[in-house]
PDB file of N, CA and C in Angstrom:
ATOM      1  N   UNK A   1       0.851  -1.147   0.159  1.00  0.00           N
ATOM      2  CA  UNK A   1      -0.097  -0.221  -0.022  1.00  0.00           C
ATOM      3  C   UNK A   1       0.627   1.402   0.087  1.00  0.00           C
ATOM      4  N   UNK A   2       0.658   2.100  -0.886  1.00  0.00           N
ATOM      5  CA  UNK A   2       0.751   3.521  -0.821  1.00  0.00           C
ATOM      6  C   UNK A   2       0.977   4.305   0.559  1.00  0.00           C
ATOM      7  N   UNK A   3       2.241   4.717   0.928  1.00  0.00           N
ATOM      8  CA  UNK A   3       1.730   5.286   2.137  1.00  0.00           C
ATOM      9  C   UNK A   3       1.467   6.770   2.246  1.00  0.00           C
ATOM     10  N   UNK A   4       1.312   7.419   1.660  1.00  0.00           N
ATOM     11  CA  UNK A   4       0.611   8.397   1.236  1.00  0.00           C
ATOM     12  C   UNK A   4      -0.524   8.516   0.680  1.00  0.00           C
ATOM     13  N   UNK A   5      -1.204   7.777   0.536  1.00  0.00           N
ATOM     14  CA  UNK A   5      -2.852   7.084   0.069  1.00  0.00           C
ATOM     15  C   UNK A   5      -3.727   8.058   0.921  1.00  0.00           C
ATOM     16  N   UNK A   6      -3.618   7.500   2.626  1.00  0.00           N
ATOM     17  CA  UNK A   6      -4.642   8.270   3.394  1.00  0.00           C
ATOM     18  C   UNK A   6      -3.806   8.415   4.435  1.00  0.00           C
ATOM     19  N   UNK A   7      -2.577   9.306   4.126  1.00  0.00           N
ATOM     20  CA  UNK A   7      -2.145  10.127   5.077  1.00  0.00           C
ATOM     21  C   UNK A   7      -2.495  11.318   5.943  1.00  0.00           C
ATOM     22  N   UNK A   8      -3.803  11.209   5.234  1.00  0.00           N
ATOM     23  CA  UNK A   8      -4.267  12.862   6.240  1.00  0.00           C
ATOM     24  C   UNK A   8      -5.998  12.355   6.422  1.00  0.00           C
ATOM     25  N   UNK A   9      -6.524  13.506   7.194  1.00  0.00           N
ATOM     26  CA  UNK A   9      -8.170  13.382   7.435  1.00  0.00           C
ATOM     27  C   UNK A   9      -8.214  14.761   7.193  1.00  0.00           C
ATOM     28  N   UNK A  10      -9.626  14.853   6.576  1.00  0.00           N
ATOM     29  CA  UNK A  10     -10.362  16.351   6.224  1.00  0.00           C
ATOM     30  C   UNK A  10     -12.128  16.015   6.768  1.00  0.00           C
ATOM     31  N   UNK A  11     -11.732  16.913   7.229  1.00  0.00           N
ATOM     32  CA  UNK A  11     -13.359  17.623   7.773  1.00  0.00           C
ATOM     33  C   UNK A  11     -13.656  19.175   7.517  1.00  0.00           C
ATOM     34  N   UNK A  12     -15.160  19.200   6.934  1.00  0.00           N
ATOM     35  CA  UNK A  12     -15.408  20.003   6.194  1.00  0.00           C
ATOM     36  C   UNK A  12     -16.945  20.204   6.945  1.00  0.00           C
ATOM     37  N   UNK A  13     -16.862  21.660   8.190  1.00  0.00           N
ATOM     38  CA  UNK A  13     -18.519  22.059   8.029  1.00  0.00           C
ATOM     39  C   UNK A  13     -18.932  22.766   8.182  1.00  0.00           C
ATOM     40  N   UNK A  14     -19.896  23.334   8.494  1.00  0.00           N
ATOM     41  CA  UNK A  14     -20.888  24.889   8.831  1.00  0.00           C
ATOM     42  C   UNK A  14     -20.759  24.732  10.092  1.00  0.00           C
ATOM     43  N   UNK A  15     -20.418  26.157  10.898  1.00  0.00           N
ATOM     44  CA  UNK A  15     -20.475  26.135  11.585  1.00  0.00           C
ATOM     45  C   UNK A  15     -21.503  28.031  11.807  1.00  0.00           C
ATOM     46  N   UNK A  16     -21.861  28.379  12.993  1.00  0.00           N
ATOM     47  CA  UNK A  16     -22.845  29.193  12.499  1.00  0.00           C
ATOM     48  C   UNK A  16     -22.581  29.675  11.909  1.00  0.00           C
ATOM     49  N   UNK A  17     -21.484  31.006  11.633  1.00  0.00           N
ATOM     50  CA  UNK A  17     -21.189  31.446  11.265  1.00  0.00           C
ATOM     51  C   UNK A  17     -19.714  32.214  10.057  1.00  0.00           C
ATOM     52  N   UNK A  18     -18.698  30.897  10.095  1.00  0.00           N
ATOM     53  CA  UNK A  18     -18.198  30.406   9.244  1.00  0.00           C
ATOM     54  C   UNK A  18     -18.646  28.866   8.728  1.00  0.00           C
ATOM     55  N   UNK A  19     -17.531  28.803   7.757  1.00  0.00           N
ATOM     56  CA  UNK A  19     -16.966  26.943   7.302  1.00  0.00           C
ATOM     57  C   UNK A  19     -15.944  26.914   7.857  1.00  0.00           C
ATOM     58  N   UNK A  20     -15.992  25.900   8.538  1.00  0.00           N
ATOM     59  CA  UNK A  20     -14.264  25.042   8.698  1.00  0.00           C
ATOM     60  C   UNK A  20     -14.196  23.578   8.339  1.00  0.00           C
ATOM     61  N   UNK A  21     -12.611  24.352   8.185  1.00  0.00           N
ATOM     62  CA  UNK A  21     -11.785  22.773   7.450  1.00  0.00           C
ATOM     63  C   UNK A  21     -11.211  22.544   8.815  1.00  0.00           C
ATOM     64  N   UNK A  22     -11.273  21.450   8.923  1.00  0.00           N
ATOM     65  CA  UNK A  22      -9.975  20.798   9.626  1.00  0.00           C
ATOM     66  C   UNK A  22      -8.801  19.660   9.225  1.00  0.00           C
ATOM     67  N   UNK A  23      -7.681  19.747   8.713  1.00  0.00           N
ATOM     68  CA  UNK A  23      -6.604  19.372   8.009  1.00  0.00           C
ATOM     69  C   UNK A  23      -6.494  18.080   9.474  1.00  0.00           C
ATOM     70  N   UNK A  24      -5.888  17.166   9.449  1.00  0.00           N
ATOM     71  CA  UNK A  24      -5.118  16.498  10.341  1.00  0.00           C
ATOM     72  C   UNK A  24      -4.143  15.680   9.664  1.00  0.00           C
ATOM     73  N   UNK A  25      -3.098  15.250   9.981  1.00  0.00           N
ATOM     74  CA  UNK A  25      -2.053  13.871   9.417  1.00  0.00           C
ATOM     75  C   UNK A  25      -1.344  14.632   8.789  1.00  0.00           C
ATOM     76  N   UNK A  26      -0.670  13.801   7.742  1.00  0.00           N
ATOM     77  CA  UNK A  26       0.519  14.109   7.067  1.00  0.00           C
ATOM     78  C   UNK A  26       0.463  14.472   5.755  1.00  0.00           C
ATOM     79  N   UNK A  27      -0.146  15.229   4.484  1.00  0.00           N
ATOM     80  CA  UNK A  27      -0.503  15.354   3.181  1.00  0.00           C
ATOM     81  C   UNK A  27       0.556  15.918   3.053  1.00  0.00           C
ATOM     82  N   UNK A  28       1.094  14.944   1.645  1.00  0.00           N
ATOM     83  CA  UNK A  28       2.446  15.433   1.358  1.00  0.00           C
ATOM     84  C   UNK A  28       2.069  17.244   0.200  1.00  0.00           C
ATOM     85  N   UNK A  29       2.879  17.648  -0.113  1.00  0.00           N
ATOM     86  CA  UNK A  29       2.874  18.232  -0.971  1.00  0.00           C
ATOM     87  C   UNK A  29       1.891  18.797  -2.031  1.00  0.00           C
ATOM     88  N   UNK A  30       1.932  17.018  -2.499  1.00  0.00           N
ATOM     89  CA  UNK A  30       0.988  17.458  -4.031  1.00  0.00           C
ATOM     90  C   UNK A  30      -0.582  17.398  -3.398  1.00  0.00           C
ATOM     91  N   UNK A  31      -0.850  16.643  -2.410  1.00  0.00           N
ATOM     92  CA  UNK A  31      -2.021  16.258  -1.796  1.00  0.00           C
ATOM     93  C   UNK A  31      -2.179  17.558  -0.892  1.00  0.00           C
ATOM     94  N   UNK A  32      -2.026  18.332  -0.541  1.00  0.00           N
ATOM     95  CA  UNK A  32      -2.007  19.756   0.188  1.00  0.00           C
ATOM     96  C   UNK A  32      -2.603  20.834  -1.035  1.00  0.00           C
ATOM     97  N   UNK A  33      -1.915  20.388  -2.496  1.00  0.00           N
ATOM     98  CA  UNK A  33      -1.927  21.592  -3.038  1.00  0.00           C
ATOM     99  C   UNK A  33      -3.423  21.191  -4.057  1.00  0.00           C
ATOM    100  N   UNK A  34      -3.763  19.518  -4.082  1.00  0.00           N
ATOM    101  CA  UNK A  34      -4.468  19.315  -4.647  1.00  0.00           C
ATOM    102  C   UNK A  34      -6.119  19.383  -3.869  1.00  0.00           C
ATOM    103  N   UNK A  35      -6.115  19.021  -2.625  1.00  0.00           N
ATOM    104  CA  UNK A  35      -6.729  19.270  -1.457  1.00  0.00           C
ATOM    105  C   UNK A  35      -7.001  21.012  -1.405  1.00  0.00           C
ATOM    106  N   UNK A  36      -5.971  21.602  -1.669  1.00  0.00           N
ATOM    107  CA  UNK A  36      -6.872  23.641  -1.586  1.00  0.00           C
ATOM    108  C   UNK A  36      -7.499  23.681  -3.294  1.00  0.00           C
ATOM    109  N   UNK A  37      -7.069  22.955  -4.042  1.00  0.00           N
ATOM    110  CA  UNK A  37      -7.944  23.171  -5.454  1.00  0.00           C
ATOM    111  C   UNK A  37      -9.549  22.946  -5.395  1.00  0.00           C
ATOM    112  N   UNK A  38      -9.136  21.436  -4.970  1.00  0.00           N
ATOM    113  CA  UNK A  38     -10.872  20.450  -4.632  1.00  0.00           C
ATOM    114  C   UNK A  38     -11.780  21.630  -3.806  1.00  0.00           C
ATOM    115  N   UNK A  39     -11.336  21.968  -2.548  1.00  0.00           N
ATOM    116  CA  UNK A  39     -12.052  23.107  -1.520  1.00  0.00           C
ATOM    117  C   UNK A  39     -12.226  24.189  -2.263  1.00  0.00           C
ATOM    118  N   UNK A  40     -11.511  24.896  -3.160  1.00  0.00           N
ATOM    119  CA  UNK A  40     -12.059  25.928  -4.011  1.00  0.00           C
ATOM    120  C   UNK A  40     -13.383  25.917  -5.051  1.00  0.00           C
ATOM    121  N   UNK A  41     -13.203  24.557  -5.420  1.00  0.00           N
ATOM    122  CA  UNK A  41     -14.511  24.341  -6.366  1.00  0.00           C
ATOM    123  C   UNK A  41     -15.414  24.161  -5.536  1.00  0.00           C
ATOM    124  N   UNK A  42     -15.127  23.490  -4.686  1.00  0.00           N
ATOM    125  CA  UNK A  42     -16.744  22.947  -3.363  1.00  0.00           C
ATOM    126  C   UNK A  42     -17.132  23.982  -2.782  1.00  0.00           C
ATOM    127  N   UNK A  43     -16.386  25.416  -2.212  1.00  0.00           N
ATOM    128  CA  UNK A  43     -16.824  25.993  -1.473  1.00  0.00           C
ATOM    129  C   UNK A  43     -17.506  27.186  -2.177  1.00  0.00           C
ATOM    130  N   UNK A  44     -17.758  26.905  -3.567  1.00  0.00           N
ATOM    131  CA  UNK A  44     -18.690  27.955  -4.576  1.00  0.00           C
ATOM    132  C   UNK A  44     -20.181  27.441  -3.688  1.00  0.00           C
ATOM    133  N   UNK A  45     -20.222  26.657  -3.318  1.00  0.00           N
ATOM    134  CA  UNK A  45     -21.727  26.569  -2.797  1.00  0.00           C
ATOM    135  C   UNK A  45     -22.079  26.332  -1.071  1.00  0.00           C
ATOM    136  N   UNK A  46     -20.732  27.412  -0.334  1.00  0.00           N
ATOM    137  CA  UNK A  46     -20.612  26.955   1.111  1.00  0.00           C
ATOM    138  C   UNK A  46     -21.834  28.524   1.269  1.00  0.00           C
ATOM    139  N   UNK A  47     -22.072  27.784   2.403  1.00  0.00           N
ATOM    140  CA  UNK A  47     -22.993  28.842   3.008  1.00  0.00           C
ATOM    141  C   UNK A  47     -22.100  30.164   3.646  1.00  0.00           C
ATOM    142  N   UNK A  48     -21.344  29.789   3.873  1.00  0.00           N
ATOM    143  CA  UNK A  48     -20.295  31.430   4.386  1.00  0.00           C
ATOM    144  C   UNK A  48     -19.523  31.844   3.214  1.00  0.00           C
ATOM    145  N   UNK A  49     -19.113  32.785   3.125  1.00  0.00           N
ATOM    146  CA  UNK A  49     -17.982  33.474   2.414  1.00  0.00           C
ATOM    147  C   UNK A  49     -16.686  33.781   3.454  1.00  0.00           C
ATOM    148  N   UNK A  50     -16.624  33.126   4.463  1.00  0.00           N
ATOM    149  CA  UNK A  50     -15.699  33.095   5.179  1.00  0.00           C
ATOM    150  C   UNK A  50     -14.717  32.094   5.953  1.00  0.00           C
ATOM    151  N   UNK A  51     -13.336  31.429   5.991  1.00  0.00           N
ATOM    152  CA  UNK A  51     -13.377  29.739   6.555  1.00  0.00           C
ATOM    153  C   UNK A  51     -12.213  30.180   7.252  1.00  0.00           C
ATOM    154  N   UNK A  52     -12.480  29.015   8.146  1.00  0.00           N
ATOM    155  CA  UNK A  52     -11.314  28.779   9.182  1.00  0.00           C
ATOM    156  C   UNK A  52     -10.793  27.728   8.644  1.00  0.00           C
ATOM    157  N   UNK A  53      -9.648  27.011   8.516  1.00  0.00           N
ATOM    158  CA  UNK A  53      -8.423  26.667   8.175  1.00  0.00           C
ATOM    159  C   UNK A  53      -7.830  25.984   9.520  1.00  0.00           C
ATOM    160  N   UNK A  54      -8.212  24.693  10.390  1.00  0.00           N
ATOM    161  CA  UNK A  54      -7.553  24.193  11.106  1.00  0.00           C
ATOM    162  C   UNK A  54      -6.190  23.540  11.240  1.00  0.00           C
ATOM    163  N   UNK A  55      -5.322  23.589  11.182  1.00  0.00           N
ATOM    164  CA  UNK A  55      -3.993  23.271  10.749  1.00  0.00           C
ATOM    165  C   UNK A  55      -3.197  22.642  11.815  1.00  0.00           C
ATOM    166  N   UNK A  56      -3.894  22.825  12.886  1.00  0.00           N
ATOM    167  CA  UNK A  56      -3.016  22.579  14.208  1.00  0.00           C
ATOM    168  C   UNK A  56      -3.045  21.322  14.315  1.00  0.00           C
ATOM    169  N   UNK A  57      -3.108  20.268  13.931  1.00  0.00           N
ATOM    170  CA  UNK A  57      -2.689  18.702  13.624  1.00  0.00           C
ATOM    171  C   UNK A  57      -2.285  18.279  12.409  1.00  0.00           C
ATOM    172  N   UNK A  58      -2.083  19.541  11.421  1.00  0.00           N
ATOM    173  CA  UNK A  58      -1.020  19.108   9.850  1.00  0.00           C
ATOM    174  C   UNK A  58       0.426  18.977  10.955  1.00  0.00           C
ATOM    175  N   UNK A  59       0.791  17.506  10.724  1.00  0.00           N
ATOM    176  CA  UNK A  59       1.844  17.370  11.002  1.00  0.00           C
ATOM    177  C   UNK A  59       2.897  17.292   9.829  1.00  0.00           C
ATOM    178  N   UNK A  60       3.100  17.499   8.745  1.00  0.00           N
ATOM    179  CA  UNK A  60       3.902  18.027   7.534  1.00  0.00           C
ATOM    180  C   UNK A  60       4.397  18.780   7.577  1.00  0.00           C
ATOM    181  N   UNK A  61       5.993  19.125   7.327  1.00  0.00           N
ATOM    182  CA  UNK A  61       6.639  20.316   6.911  1.00  0.00           C
ATOM    183  C   UNK A  61       7.109  20.521   6.187  1.00  0.00           C
ATOM    184  N   UNK A  62       6.290  21.764   5.521  1.00  0.00           N
ATOM    185  CA  UNK A  62       6.979  22.066   3.888  1.00  0.00           C
ATOM    186  C   UNK A  62       7.915  22.769   4.257  1.00  0.00           C
ATOM    187  N   UNK A  63       8.996  22.716   3.034  1.00  0.00           N
ATOM    188  CA  UNK A  63      10.069  23.544   2.860  1.00  0.00           C
ATOM    189  C   UNK A  63       9.080  25.232   2.910  1.00  0.00           C
ATOM    190  N   UNK A  64       9.680  26.318   2.500  1.00  0.00           N
ATOM    191  CA  UNK A  64       9.620  27.750   2.416  1.00  0.00           C
ATOM    192  C   UNK A  64       8.982  27.758   1.031  1.00  0.00           C
ATOM    193  N   UNK A  65       9.772  27.155  -0.206  1.00  0.00           N
ATOM    194  CA  UNK A  65       9.638  27.101  -1.447  1.00  0.00           C
ATOM    195  C   UNK A  65       7.651  26.341  -1.707  1.00  0.00           C
ATOM    196  N   UNK A  66       7.582  25.278  -0.955  1.00  0.00           N
ATOM    197  CA  UNK A  66       6.324  24.587  -0.762  1.00  0.00           C
ATOM    198  C   UNK A  66       5.220  25.469  -0.289  1.00  0.00           C
ATOM    199  N   UNK A  67       5.869  25.909   0.977  1.00  0.00           N
ATOM    200  CA  UNK A  67       4.381  26.610   1.466  1.00  0.00           C
ATOM    201  C   UNK A  67       4.259  28.309   0.680  1.00  0.00           C
ATOM    202  N   UNK A  68       4.741  28.650  -0.053  1.00  0.00           N
ATOM    203  CA  UNK A  68       4.775  30.010  -0.969  1.00  0.00           C
ATOM    204  C   UNK A  68       4.053  28.923  -2.328  1.00  0.00           C
ATOM    205  N   UNK A  69       4.232  28.048  -2.236  1.00  0.00           N
ATOM    206  CA  UNK A  69       3.447  27.701  -3.388  1.00  0.00           C
ATOM    207  C   UNK A  69       1.547  27.094  -2.980  1.00  0.00           C
ATOM    208  N   UNK A  70       1.952  26.707  -1.865  1.00  0.00           N
ATOM    209  CA  UNK A  70       0.360  26.370  -1.153  1.00  0.00           C
ATOM    210  C   UNK A  70      -0.048  27.655  -0.865  1.00  0.00           C
ATOM    211  N   UNK A  71       0.561  29.109  -0.620  1.00  0.00           N
ATOM    212  CA  UNK A  71      -0.509  30.162  -0.668  1.00  0.00           C
ATOM    213  C   UNK A  71      -0.482  31.185  -2.099  1.00  0.00           C
ATOM    214  N   UNK A  72       0.390  30.796  -2.985  1.00  0.00           N
ATOM    215  CA  UNK A  72      -0.523  30.866  -4.214  1.00  0.00           C
ATOM    216  C   UNK A  72      -1.679  30.349  -4.581  1.00  0.00           C
ATOM    217  N   UNK A  73      -1.835  29.069  -4.450  1.00  0.00           N
ATOM    218  CA  UNK A  73      -3.089  27.868  -5.241  1.00  0.00           C
ATOM    219  C   UNK A  73      -4.049  28.325  -3.712  1.00  0.00           C
ATOM    220  N   UNK A  74      -3.915  29.001  -2.623  1.00  0.00           N
ATOM    221  CA  UNK A  74      -4.873  29.269  -1.912  1.00  0.00           C
ATOM    222  C   UNK A  74      -5.616  30.316  -2.733  1.00  0.00           C
ATOM    223  N   UNK A  75      -4.259  30.973  -2.792  1.00  0.00           N
ATOM    224  CA  UNK A  75      -5.052  32.744  -3.557  1.00  0.00           C
ATOM    225  C   UNK A  75      -5.740  32.512  -4.814  1.00  0.00           C
ATOM    226  N   UNK A  76      -5.354  31.821  -5.650  1.00  0.00           N
ATOM    227  CA  UNK A  76      -5.945  30.820  -6.709  1.00  0.00           C
ATOM    228  C   UNK A  76      -7.346  30.162  -7.139  1.00  0.00           C
ATOM    229  N   UNK A  77      -7.236  29.615  -5.540  1.00  0.00           N
ATOM    230  CA  UNK A  77      -8.737  28.569  -5.488  1.00  0.00           C
ATOM    231  C   UNK A  77      -9.500  29.677  -4.572  1.00  0.00           C
ATOM    232  N   UNK A  78      -8.907  29.970  -3.603  1.00  0.00           N
ATOM    233  CA  UNK A  78     -10.116  30.098  -2.285  1.00  0.00           C
ATOM    234  C   UNK A  78     -10.550  32.222  -2.862  1.00  0.00           C
ATOM    235  N   UNK A  79      -9.874  32.683  -3.702  1.00  0.00           N
ATOM    236  CA  UNK A  79     -10.504  33.896  -4.199  1.00  0.00           C
ATOM    237  C   UNK A  79     -11.760  34.507  -4.153  1.00  0.00           C
ATOM    238  N   UNK A  80     -13.142  33.645  -4.543  1.00  0.00           N
ATOM    239  CA  UNK A  80     -13.684  34.051  -4.299  1.00  0.00           C
ATOM    240  C   UNK A  80     -14.787  34.111  -2.824  1.00  0.00           C
ATOM    241  N   UNK A  81     -13.823  33.908  -1.864  1.00  0.00           N
ATOM    242  CA  UNK A  81     -14.299  34.254  -0.181  1.00  0.00           C
ATOM    243  C   UNK A  81     -13.495  35.130   0.343  1.00  0.00           C
ATOM    244  N   UNK A  82     -14.800  35.925   1.053  1.00  0.00           N
ATOM    245  CA  UNK A  82     -14.010  36.934   1.752  1.00  0.00           C
ATOM    246  C   UNK A  82     -12.784  36.921   2.299  1.00  0.00           C
ATOM    247  N   UNK A  83     -12.585  36.190   3.816  1.00  0.00           N
ATOM    248  CA  UNK A  83     -11.645  35.850   4.340  1.00  0.00           C
ATOM    249  C   UNK A  83     -11.308  34.396   4.525  1.00  0.00           C
ATOM    250  N   UNK A  84      -9.921  34.212   4.444  1.00  0.00           N
ATOM    251  CA  UNK A  84      -9.592  33.105   4.746  1.00  0.00           C
ATOM    252  C   UNK A  84      -8.539  33.020   5.993  1.00  0.00           C
ATOM    253  N   UNK A  85      -9.363  32.549   7.276  1.00  0.00           N
ATOM    254  CA  UNK A  85      -8.153  32.806   8.811  1.00  0.00           C
ATOM    255  C   UNK A  85      -7.479  31.132   8.639  1.00  0.00           C
ATOM    256  N   UNK A  86      -5.707  30.770   8.867  1.00  0.00           N
ATOM    257  CA  UNK A  86      -5.605  29.685   8.938  1.00  0.00           C
ATOM    258  C   UNK A  86      -5.113  29.436  10.207  1.00  0.00           C
ATOM    259  N   UNK A  87      -5.482  28.667  11.048  1.00  0.00           N
ATOM    260  CA  UNK A  87      -4.814  27.899  12.843  1.00  0.00           C
ATOM    261  C   UNK A  87      -3.840  27.227  12.502  1.00  0.00           C
ATOM    262  N   UNK A  88      -2.777  27.781  13.250  1.00  0.00           N
ATOM    263  CA  UNK A  88      -1.776  26.723  13.265  1.00  0.00           C
ATOM    264  C   UNK A  88      -1.361  26.719  14.677  1.00  0.00           C
ATOM    265  N   UNK A  89      -0.559  25.887  15.000  1.00  0.00           N
ATOM    266  CA  UNK A  89       0.240  26.008  16.221  1.00  0.00           C
ATOM    267  C   UNK A  89       1.532  26.978  16.401  1.00  0.00           C
ATOM    268  N   UNK A  90       1.620  27.872  17.133  1.00  0.00           N
ATOM    269  CA  UNK A  90       1.557  29.115  17.488  1.00  0.00           C
ATOM    270  C   UNK A  90       3.702  29.368  17.349  1.00  0.00           C
ATOM    271  N   UNK A  91       4.188  27.743  16.807  1.00  0.00           N
ATOM    272  CA  UNK A  91       5.418  27.987  16.795  1.00  0.00           C
ATOM    273  C   UNK A  91       5.674  27.330  15.140  1.00  0.00           C
ATOM    274  N   UNK A  92       5.078  26.915  14.726  1.00  0.00           N
ATOM    275  CA  UNK A  92       4.694  27.463  13.232  1.00  0.00           C
ATOM    276  C   UNK A  92       4.235  28.092  12.096  1.00  0.00           C
ATOM    277  N   UNK A  93       4.379  29.353  12.769  1.00  0.00           N
ATOM    278  CA  UNK A  93       3.918  30.813  12.147  1.00  0.00           C
ATOM    279  C   UNK A  93       4.989  31.118  11.439  1.00  0.00           C
ATOM    280  N   UNK A  94       5.034  30.790  10.417  1.00  0.00           N
ATOM    281  CA  UNK A  94       5.978  31.620   9.337  1.00  0.00           C
ATOM    282  C   UNK A  94       5.685  32.722   8.383  1.00  0.00           C
ATOM    283  N   UNK A  95       4.366  32.573   7.536  1.00  0.00           N
ATOM    284  CA  UNK A  95       3.269  33.578   7.321  1.00  0.00           C
ATOM    285  C   UNK A  95       3.914  33.570   5.715  1.00  0.00           C
ATOM    286  N   UNK A  96       4.725  32.841   5.520  1.00  0.00           N
ATOM    287  CA  UNK A  96       5.359  32.711   3.779  1.00  0.00           C
ATOM    288  C   UNK A  96       4.495  32.669   3.018  1.00  0.00           C
ATOM    289  N   UNK A  97       3.422  31.474   3.603  1.00  0.00           N
ATOM    290  CA  UNK A  97       1.922  31.410   2.555  1.00  0.00           C
ATOM    291  C   UNK A  97       0.822  31.987   2.256  1.00  0.00           C
ATOM    292  N   UNK A  98       0.723  33.133   4.072  1.00  0.00           N
ATOM    293  CA  UNK A  98      -0.026  34.283   3.628  1.00  0.00           C
ATOM    294  C   UNK A  98       0.603  35.485   3.217  1.00  0.00           C
ATOM    295  N   UNK A  99       1.602  35.946   2.947  1.00  0.00           N
ATOM    296  CA  UNK A  99       2.249  36.912   2.164  1.00  0.00           C
ATOM    297  C   UNK A  99       1.897  36.765   0.524  1.00  0.00           C
ATOM    298  N   UNK A 100       2.647  34.946   0.025  1.00  0.00           N
ATOM    299  CA  UNK A 100       2.352  34.974  -0.778  1.00  0.00           C
ATOM    300  C   UNK A 100       0.496  34.845  -1.609  1.00  0.00           C
ATOM    301  N   UNK A 101       0.025  34.547  -0.941  1.00  0.00           N
ATOM    302  CA  UNK A 101      -1.637  34.084  -1.067  1.00  0.00           C
ATOM    303  C   UNK A 101      -1.540  35.854  -1.042  1.00  0.00           C
ATOM    304  N   UNK A 102      -2.065  36.504  -0.339  1.00  0.00           N
ATOM    305  CA  UNK A 102      -2.229  38.184  -0.011  1.00  0.00           C
ATOM    306  C   UNK A 102      -1.484  38.929  -1.687  1.00  0.00           C
ATOM    307  N   UNK A 103      -0.795  38.763  -1.715  1.00  0.00           N
ATOM    308  CA  UNK A 103       0.355  39.153  -2.980  1.00  0.00           C
ATOM    309  C   UNK A 103      -0.363  39.022  -3.947  1.00  0.00           C
ATOM    310  N   UNK A 104      -1.668  37.724  -3.702  1.00  0.00           N
ATOM    311  CA  UNK A 104      -1.915  37.607  -5.378  1.00  0.00           C
ATOM    312  C   UNK A 104      -3.671  38.061  -5.100  1.00  0.00           C
ATOM    313  N   UNK A 105      -4.217  38.487  -4.201  1.00  0.00           N
ATOM    314  CA  UNK A 105      -5.366  39.256  -3.729  1.00  0.00           C
ATOM    315  C   UNK A 105      -6.679  38.797  -3.331  1.00  0.00           C
ATOM    316  N   UNK A 106      -5.841  37.143  -2.363  1.00  0.00           N
ATOM    317  CA  UNK A 106      -6.931  36.470  -1.380  1.00  0.00           C
ATOM    318  C   UNK A 106      -6.505  36.749   0.106  1.00  0.00           C
ATOM    319  N   UNK A 107      -7.539  37.524   0.783  1.00  0.00           N
ATOM    320  CA  UNK A 107      -7.487  37.703   2.162  1.00  0.00           C
ATOM    321  C   UNK A 107      -7.304  36.813   2.817  1.00  0.00           C
ATOM    322  N   UNK A 108      -6.333  36.552   3.390  1.00  0.00           N
ATOM    323  CA  UNK A 108      -5.912  35.094   4.206  1.00  0.00           C
ATOM    324  C   UNK A 108      -5.118  35.636   5.238  1.00  0.00           C
ATOM    325  N   UNK A 109      -4.941  35.502   6.389  1.00  0.00           N
ATOM    326  CA  UNK A 109      -4.134  35.612   7.359  1.00  0.00           C
ATOM    327  C   UNK A 109      -4.088  34.252   8.166  1.00  0.00           C
ATOM    328  N   UNK A 110      -2.523  34.150   8.460  1.00  0.00           N
ATOM    329  CA  UNK A 110      -2.460  33.114   9.834  1.00  0.00           C
ATOM    330  C   UNK A 110      -2.030  33.626  11.404  1.00  0.00           C
ATOM    331  N   UNK A 111      -2.820  32.835  11.721  1.00  0.00           N
ATOM    332  CA  UNK A 111      -2.638  32.814  13.244  1.00  0.00           C
ATOM    333  C   UNK A 111      -3.100  31.690  14.461  1.00  0.00           C
ATOM    334  N   UNK A 112      -1.884  32.005  15.550  1.00  0.00           N
ATOM    335  CA  UNK A 112      -1.577  31.087  16.153  1.00  0.00           C
ATOM    336  C   UNK A 112      -2.664  30.734  17.957  1.00  0.00           C
ATOM    337  N   UNK A 113      -3.909  31.794  17.885  1.00  0.00           N
ATOM    338  CA  UNK A 113      -4.846  31.588  18.248  1.00  0.00           C
ATOM    339  C   UNK A 113      -6.268  31.716  17.649  1.00  0.00           C
ATOM    340  N   UNK A 114      -6.711  30.905  18.165  1.00  0.00           N
ATOM    341  CA  UNK A 114      -7.996  30.462  17.828  1.00  0.00           C
ATOM    342  C   UNK A 114      -9.131  31.257  18.365  1.00  0.00           C
ATOM    343  N   UNK A 115      -9.332  32.180  19.290  1.00  0.00           N
ATOM    344  CA  UNK A 115     -10.110  33.484  19.441  1.00  0.00           C
ATOM    345  C   UNK A 115      -9.490  34.490  18.441  1.00  0.00           C
ATOM    346  N   UNK A 116      -8.658  34.996  18.328  1.00  0.00           N
ATOM    347  CA  UNK A 116      -8.112  35.784  17.417  1.00  0.00           C
ATOM    348  C   UNK A 116      -8.477  35.616  16.188  1.00  0.00           C
ATOM    349  N   UNK A 117      -8.212  34.007  15.566  1.00  0.00           N
ATOM    350  CA  UNK A 117      -8.838  33.594  13.974  1.00  0.00           C
ATOM    351  C   UNK A 117      -9.696  33.726  14.250  1.00  0.00           C
ATOM    352  N   UNK A 118     -11.267  33.806  14.826  1.00  0.00           N
ATOM    353  CA  UNK A 118     -12.295  33.890  14.690  1.00  0.00           C
ATOM    354  C   UNK A 118     -12.941  35.860  14.476  1.00  0.00           C
ATOM    355  N   UNK A 119     -12.402  36.088  15.898  1.00  0.00           N
ATOM    356  CA  UNK A 119     -12.235  37.776  15.717  1.00  0.00           C
ATOM    357  C   UNK A 119     -12.418  38.468  14.508  1.00  0.00           C
ATOM    358  N   UNK A 120     -10.947  37.495  14.092  1.00  0.00           N
ATOM    359  CA  UNK A 120     -11.156  38.655  12.284  1.00  0.00           C
ATOM    360  C   UNK A 120     -11.959  38.252  11.199  1.00  0.00           C
ATOM    361  N   UNK A 121     -12.320  36.769  11.591  1.00  0.00           N
ATOM    362  CA  UNK A 121     -13.168  36.616  10.702  1.00  0.00           C
ATOM    363  C   UNK A 121     -14.503  36.854  10.934  1.00  0.00           C
ATOM    364  N   UNK A 122     -14.823  37.184  12.345  1.00  0.00           N
ATOM    365  CA  UNK A 122     -16.081  38.283  12.223  1.00  0.00           C
ATOM    366  C   UNK A 122     -16.375  39.700  12.110  1.00  0.00           C
ATOM    367  N   UNK A 123     -14.920  40.334  12.291  1.00  0.00           N
ATOM    368  CA  UNK A 123     -15.187  41.723  11.676  1.00  0.00           C
ATOM    369  C   UNK A 123     -15.251  41.924  10.490  1.00  0.00           C
TER     370      UNK A 123
END
């Protein structure tokens, strides 16, 4: 069996005022890009135009170049959303993907605190 076949879990749900996407496990770089693309297609039919990506259980360590590409893919795939908040473990904040996404016109912010991420989405 291919070790990367099911190396992560993805949960998508609708909260009262935002969409919630949780990613846990070890998606490869390619899997992460594909997941963002598919979520971009799927999110066109979501009730909310703001989303919280909970990445605190994401185990994969992406290179700086991969983080930049992830930000570019987020910008391309999620441009129709008003706000995208990424919640990560505080020690994993680099802002590389955030800057790449924002340079390409998508309002993405990275947070290490869930309350701060939700407050920003609700603002």
